[in-house]
Protein backbone atom coordinates (compact mmCIF):
# COMPACT_ATOMS: atom_id res chain seq x y z
CA UNK A 1 22.84 0.71 23.15
CA UNK A 2 23.92 3.20 20.51
CA UNK A 3 21.33 5.63 19.16
CA UNK A 4 21.66 7.56 15.90
CA UNK A 5 18.89 10.05 15.23
CA UNK A 6 18.20 12.99 12.97
CA UNK A 7 16.11 14.26 10.08
CA UNK A 8 15.43 12.36 6.89
CA UNK A 9 18.17 12.11 4.23
CA UNK A 10 20.86 12.96 6.77
CA UNK A 11 23.09 9.91 6.29
CA UNK A 12 22.04 8.04 9.43
CA UNK A 13 21.84 4.65 7.71
CA UNK A 14 25.42 4.73 6.45
CA UNK A 15 26.64 5.82 9.87
CA UNK A 16 24.72 2.99 11.53
CA UNK A 17 26.16 0.37 9.18
CA UNK A 18 29.70 1.64 9.70
CA UNK A 19 29.18 1.57 13.47
CA UNK A 20 27.74 -1.95 13.30
CA UNK A 21 30.72 -3.19 11.33
CA UNK A 22 33.15 -1.66 13.83
CA UNK A 23 31.36 -2.83 16.99
CA UNK A 24 29.62 -6.10 16.01
CA UNK A 25 26.30 -4.31 15.99
CA UNK A 26 22.70 -4.91 14.99
CA UNK A 27 20.92 -2.03 13.22
CA UNK A 28 17.37 -1.54 14.55
CA UNK A 29 14.93 0.69 12.69
CA UNK A 30 13.24 3.63 14.44
CA UNK A 31 11.54 5.17 11.41
CA UNK A 32 7.74 4.93 11.24
CA UNK A 33 7.61 4.62 7.45
CA UNK A 34 10.44 2.12 7.04
CA UNK A 35 8.58 -0.55 9.00
CA UNK A 36 6.34 -1.15 5.97
CA UNK A 37 7.26 -3.84 3.46
CA UNK A 38 5.54 -2.21 0.51
CA UNK A 39 7.51 1.02 0.05
CA UNK A 40 11.22 0.28 0.19
CA UNK A 41 12.21 2.88 -2.42
CA UNK A 42 9.80 5.63 -1.40
CA UNK A 43 10.76 5.42 2.29
CA UNK A 44 14.51 5.11 1.57
CA UNK A 45 14.75 1.81 3.41
CA UNK A 46 18.17 0.16 3.27
CA UNK A 47 18.51 -1.88 0.10
CA UNK A 48 19.65 -5.51 -0.10
CA UNK A 49 23.32 -4.52 -0.48
CA UNK A 50 23.19 -2.35 2.64
CA UNK A 51 21.32 -4.96 4.66
CA UNK A 52 23.98 -7.52 3.75
CA UNK A 53 26.66 -5.38 5.40
CA UNK A 54 25.20 -5.73 8.91
CA UNK A 55 22.20 -7.38 10.59
CA UNK A 56 19.06 -5.25 10.28
CA UNK A 57 15.90 -5.53 12.39
CA UNK A 58 12.37 -4.03 12.14
CA UNK A 59 12.80 -2.89 8.55
CA UNK A 60 9.97 -3.74 6.15
CA UNK A 61 8.35 -6.27 8.48
CA UNK A 62 4.82 -4.77 8.51
CA UNK A 63 2.30 -5.30 5.73
CA UNK A 64 0.63 -2.18 4.34
CA UNK A 65 -2.81 -3.52 5.21
CA UNK A 66 -1.96 -3.57 8.92
CA UNK A 67 -3.76 -0.45 10.10
CA UNK A 68 -3.09 -1.11 13.77
CA UNK A 69 0.67 -0.56 13.83
CA UNK A 70 1.61 2.05 16.43
CA UNK A 71 4.46 3.57 18.40
CA UNK A 72 3.54 1.33 21.33
CA UNK A 73 3.73 -1.80 19.19
CA UNK A 74 7.04 -0.71 17.70
CA UNK A 75 8.45 -0.03 21.17
CA UNK A 76 7.51 -3.54 22.25
CA UNK A 77 9.28 -5.00 19.21
CA UNK A 78 12.28 -2.71 19.69
CA UNK A 79 12.67 -3.78 23.32
CA UNK A 80 12.71 -7.41 22.17
CA UNK A 81 15.25 -6.69 19.41
CA UNK A 82 17.49 -4.80 21.82
CA UNK A 83 17.30 -7.61 24.37
CA UNK A 84 18.11 -10.21 21.69
CA UNK A 85 21.16 -8.23 20.60
CA UNK A 86 22.39 -7.94 24.18
CA UNK A 87 21.87 -11.66 24.76
CA UNK A 88 23.97 -12.38 21.67
CA UNK A 89 26.73 -10.09 22.91
CA UNK A 90 26.12 -7.59 20.13
CA UNK A 91 25.62 -3.83 20.15
CA UNK A 92 22.05 -2.68 19.42
CA UNK A 93 22.17 0.40 17.19
CA UNK A 94 18.88 2.26 17.03
CA UNK A 95 18.61 4.48 13.94
CA UNK A 96 15.80 6.66 12.68
CA UNK A 97 14.01 9.94 12.68
CA UNK A 98 10.61 9.31 14.30
CA UNK A 99 10.72 11.21 17.57
CA UNK A 100 7.50 9.65 18.87
CA UNK A 101 8.95 6.15 18.47
CA UNK A 102 12.12 7.05 20.34
CA UNK A 103 10.26 8.86 23.10
CA UNK A 104 7.87 5.94 23.55
CA UNK A 105 10.74 3.45 23.81
CA UNK A 106 12.86 5.49 26.19
CA UNK A 107 10.23 7.28 28.29
CA UNK A 108 7.34 4.82 28.10
CA UNK A 109 3.76 5.25 26.98
CA UNK A 110 0.74 6.78 28.64
CA UNK A 111 -1.44 3.92 29.97
CA UNK A 112 -4.64 5.22 28.36
CA UNK A 113 -7.44 2.62 28.51
CA UNK A 114 -9.13 1.46 25.32
CA UNK A 115 -11.33 4.19 23.90
CA UNK A 116 -15.08 3.54 23.78
CA UNK A 117 -15.84 2.80 20.09
CA UNK A 118 -18.94 5.00 20.11
CA UNK A 119 -16.97 7.91 21.56
CA UNK A 120 -14.25 7.45 18.98
CA UNK A 121 -16.71 7.31 16.10
CA UNK A 122 -18.50 10.45 17.28
CA UNK A 123 -15.26 12.40 17.75
CA UNK A 124 -13.76 11.32 14.43
CA UNK A 125 -16.93 12.43 12.64
CA UNK A 126 -16.52 16.02 13.85
CA UNK A 127 -14.91 18.67 11.62
CA UNK A 128 -11.54 19.55 13.10
CA UNK A 129 -12.62 23.13 13.92
CA UNK A 130 -15.58 21.82 15.92
CA UNK A 131 -13.44 19.18 17.62
CA UNK A 132 -10.93 21.85 18.67
CA UNK A 133 -13.75 24.07 19.98
CA UNK A 134 -15.04 21.19 22.11
CA UNK A 135 -11.52 20.39 23.28
CA UNK A 136 -11.05 23.98 24.44
CA UNK A 137 -14.00 23.44 26.78
CA UNK A 138 -13.27 19.88 27.92
CA UNK A 139 -9.45 19.93 28.01
CA UNK A 140 -8.27 23.54 27.64
CA UNK A 141 -4.61 22.67 28.26
CA UNK A 142 -4.56 20.25 25.34
CA UNK A 143 -6.40 22.72 23.13
CA UNK A 144 -3.85 25.40 23.97
CA UNK A 145 -0.86 23.28 22.95
CA UNK A 146 -2.39 21.73 19.80
CA UNK A 147 -2.75 23.46 16.46
CA UNK A 148 -6.46 23.93 15.65
CA UNK A 149 -5.97 22.19 12.28
CA UNK A 150 -4.13 19.15 13.69
CA UNK A 151 -6.92 16.67 12.97
CA UNK A 152 -5.28 13.56 14.41
CA UNK A 153 -3.98 14.98 17.69
CA UNK A 154 -7.06 17.09 18.40
CA UNK A 155 -9.30 14.06 17.88
CA UNK A 156 -7.06 11.90 20.08
CA UNK A 157 -7.10 14.38 22.96
CA UNK A 158 -10.88 14.83 22.72
CA UNK A 159 -11.67 11.12 22.58
CA UNK A 160 -9.42 10.44 25.57
CA UNK A 161 -11.01 13.02 27.85
CA UNK A 162 -14.52 11.98 26.78
CA UNK A 163 -13.90 8.25 27.10
CA UNK A 164 -11.82 8.21 30.30
CA UNK A 165 -12.91 11.38 32.07
CA UNK A 166 -9.26 12.40 32.44
CA UNK A 167 -7.25 14.74 30.18
CA UNK A 168 -4.56 13.19 27.99
CA UNK A 169 -1.92 15.24 29.80
CA UNK A 170 -2.74 13.50 33.08
CA UNK A 171 -2.32 10.09 31.48
CA UNK A 172 0.97 11.18 29.91
CA UNK A 173 2.40 12.00 33.33
CA UNK A 174 2.08 8.33 34.27
CA UNK A 175 4.11 6.82 31.44
CA UNK A 176 5.07 3.16 31.82
CA UNK A 177 7.37 0.73 30.02
CA UNK A 178 10.26 3.04 29.15
CA UNK A 179 13.79 1.62 29.05
CA UNK A 180 15.69 4.90 29.23
CA UNK A 181 16.67 4.35 32.86
CA UNK A 182 17.33 0.63 32.48
CA UNK A 183 20.08 0.54 29.85
CA UNK A 184 23.18 2.57 29.02
CA UNK A 185 22.66 4.71 25.92
CA UNK A 186 25.29 6.27 23.67
CA UNK A 187 23.18 8.80 21.73
CA UNK A 188 24.13 11.17 18.92
CA UNK A 189 22.01 13.34 16.66
CA UNK A 190 23.05 14.12 13.09
CA UNK A 191 21.99 17.65 12.12
CA UNK A 192 23.66 18.44 8.80
CA UNK A 193 23.84 21.87 7.25
CA UNK A 194 20.27 22.81 6.31
CA UNK A 195 21.00 23.81 2.71
CA UNK A 196 22.94 20.60 2.18
CA UNK A 197 20.12 18.58 3.74
CA UNK A 198 17.45 20.14 1.53
CA UNK A 199 19.56 19.65 -1.60
CA UNK A 200 20.04 15.98 -0.70
CA UNK A 201 16.30 15.59 -0.19
CA UNK A 202 15.54 17.00 -3.65
CA UNK A 203 18.13 14.75 -5.27
CA UNK A 204 16.92 11.69 -3.38
CA UNK A 205 13.32 12.31 -4.43
CA UNK A 206 14.41 12.48 -8.06
CA UNK A 207 16.29 9.20 -7.64
CA UNK A 208 13.23 7.62 -6.04
CA UNK A 209 11.01 8.56 -8.96
CA UNK A 210 13.57 7.11 -11.35
CA UNK A 211 14.24 4.05 -9.20
CA UNK A 212 10.82 2.51 -8.66
CA UNK A 213 8.83 4.69 -6.24
CA UNK A 214 6.06 5.31 -8.76
CA UNK A 215 5.73 1.59 -9.46
CA UNK A 216 5.63 0.86 -5.70
CA UNK A 217 2.71 3.22 -5.20
CA UNK A 218 0.90 1.83 -8.24
CA UNK A 219 1.19 -1.67 -6.80
CA UNK A 220 0.03 -0.44 -3.39
CA UNK A 221 -3.02 1.29 -4.85
CA UNK A 222 -3.86 -1.84 -6.81
CA UNK A 223 -4.31 -3.91 -3.66
CA UNK A 224 -7.92 -4.61 -2.71
CA UNK A 225 -7.10 -4.88 0.99
CA UNK A 226 -5.68 -1.36 1.37
CA UNK A 227 -8.52 0.92 2.47
CA UNK A 228 -8.68 4.56 1.43
CA UNK A 229 -7.97 5.64 5.02
CA UNK A 230 -5.09 3.22 5.62
CA UNK A 231 -2.15 4.96 7.38
CA UNK A 232 0.28 3.99 4.62
CA UNK A 233 -1.72 5.97 2.09
CA UNK A 234 -0.79 9.10 4.04
CA UNK A 235 2.94 8.34 3.91
CA UNK A 236 5.01 11.12 2.39
CA UNK A 237 5.04 10.67 -1.36
CA UNK A 238 1.99 8.45 -1.69
CA UNK A 239 -0.73 11.13 -2.20
CA UNK A 240 1.14 13.09 -4.92
CA UNK A 241 2.11 9.94 -6.81
CA UNK A 242 -1.44 8.65 -6.48
CA UNK A 243 -2.67 11.93 -7.97
CA UNK A 244 -0.22 11.57 -10.83
CA UNK A 245 -1.32 8.01 -11.52
CA UNK A 246 -4.96 9.10 -11.63
CA UNK A 247 -4.13 11.83 -14.14
CA UNK A 248 -4.83 14.66 -11.72
CA UNK A 249 -1.32 16.10 -12.03
CA UNK A 250 1.84 15.73 -14.09
CA UNK A 251 4.93 13.75 -13.13
CA UNK A 252 6.85 17.01 -12.67
CA UNK A 253 4.16 18.40 -10.37
CA UNK A 254 4.05 15.17 -8.34
CA UNK A 255 7.83 15.18 -7.93
CA UNK A 256 7.80 18.83 -6.87
CA UNK A 257 5.12 18.10 -4.27
CA UNK A 258 6.98 15.10 -2.86
CA UNK A 259 10.14 17.20 -2.58
CA UNK A 260 8.21 19.98 -0.83
CA UNK A 261 6.46 17.61 1.58
CA UNK A 262 9.74 15.89 2.42
CA UNK A 263 11.55 19.19 3.00
CA UNK A 264 8.78 20.35 5.32
CA UNK A 265 8.90 17.10 7.27
CA UNK A 266 12.68 17.26 7.55
CA UNK A 267 12.46 20.79 8.89
CA UNK A 268 10.06 19.65 11.60
CA UNK A 269 12.37 16.76 12.44
CA UNK A 270 15.36 19.10 12.52
CA UNK A 271 13.62 21.39 15.00
CA UNK A 272 12.48 18.48 17.17
CA UNK A 273 15.88 16.81 17.36
CA UNK A 274 17.65 20.08 17.99
CA UNK A 275 15.40 21.03 20.90
CA UNK A 276 13.56 18.05 22.42
CA UNK A 277 16.10 15.33 23.32
CA UNK A 278 18.23 15.81 26.47
CA UNK A 279 20.80 18.58 26.19
CA UNK A 280 23.68 16.18 26.89
CA UNK A 281 22.99 14.15 23.75
CA UNK A 282 25.74 14.75 21.19
CA UNK A 283 24.66 16.90 18.26
CA UNK A 284 26.87 17.07 15.19
CA UNK A 285 26.69 18.14 11.55
CA UNK A 286 29.09 15.46 10.30
CA UNK A 287 28.44 11.71 10.05
CA UNK A 288 32.10 10.83 10.61
CA UNK A 289 32.18 12.94 13.77
CA UNK A 290 28.92 11.29 14.81
CA UNK A 291 30.47 7.82 14.62
CA UNK A 292 33.53 9.02 16.50
CA UNK A 293 31.36 10.56 19.24
CA UNK A 294 29.35 7.38 19.69
CA UNK A 295 32.54 5.30 19.76
CA UNK A 296 33.91 7.53 22.52
CA UNK A 297 30.67 7.21 24.48
CA UNK A 298 30.76 3.43 24.14
CA UNK A 299 34.36 3.33 25.26
CA UNK A 300 33.44 5.39 28.29
CA UNK A 301 30.69 2.93 29.17
CA UNK A 302 33.01 -0.02 28.79
């Protein structure tokens, strides 16, 4: 299996398509936002022309109303897509920038039991500062590693220790279902020059606004089955455009906010991919060199 990872707007999709064409490959999505059908433009999903150049899997296959989609569910689907590609004698090419998805697929997932609904409701009702204070008492290790304002992760750690009686870190040491040791991986990370990356993000956001992103969000917000707390409503770009559509800000202000949010996210991705994956994974600033590195790795496995 080939793996192409890196921050948003870094040219991963083009590299994956070129690799698929050269090695009879199947491009498999590993981006948490690109699984949704409703936001092709805003999430920079491959368009119809790109998808016609090589088989694509797990792109735009989840409806926005599906609030239960998770890294674990994606990993299950990715394992099936990878197995199908292998059975067909084709090269699975995993491409994306969601580190949690990749880690779940390769390393497995913590086998945390279902959380008691009453515990979850009580924890989620707490202000994040209070939740973090409680976490510092009940799971001090988790509290120490989590930012006090990280609402989602603080709540998750607190609900796990309260519902199961065991800290989340203990569960995470017993990960199951990973395929990292079961298949050969040819991984490469694309880390382009930071200034170039940020400039590409700004330009891409402008193109999105001009190319249908605003209309996508308007259609999304018009659906009766999308709740106000649906995960897709927190996708990068949706809140600022929603504010613009409600008259709370101008188009220029919404665009500036989307650009800022995307740059911040890309910076976090950049840091994660530079430091977290194994040190022997290829890291390169150039998409052509990336393809060449993966080709060499594949040849070595052959």
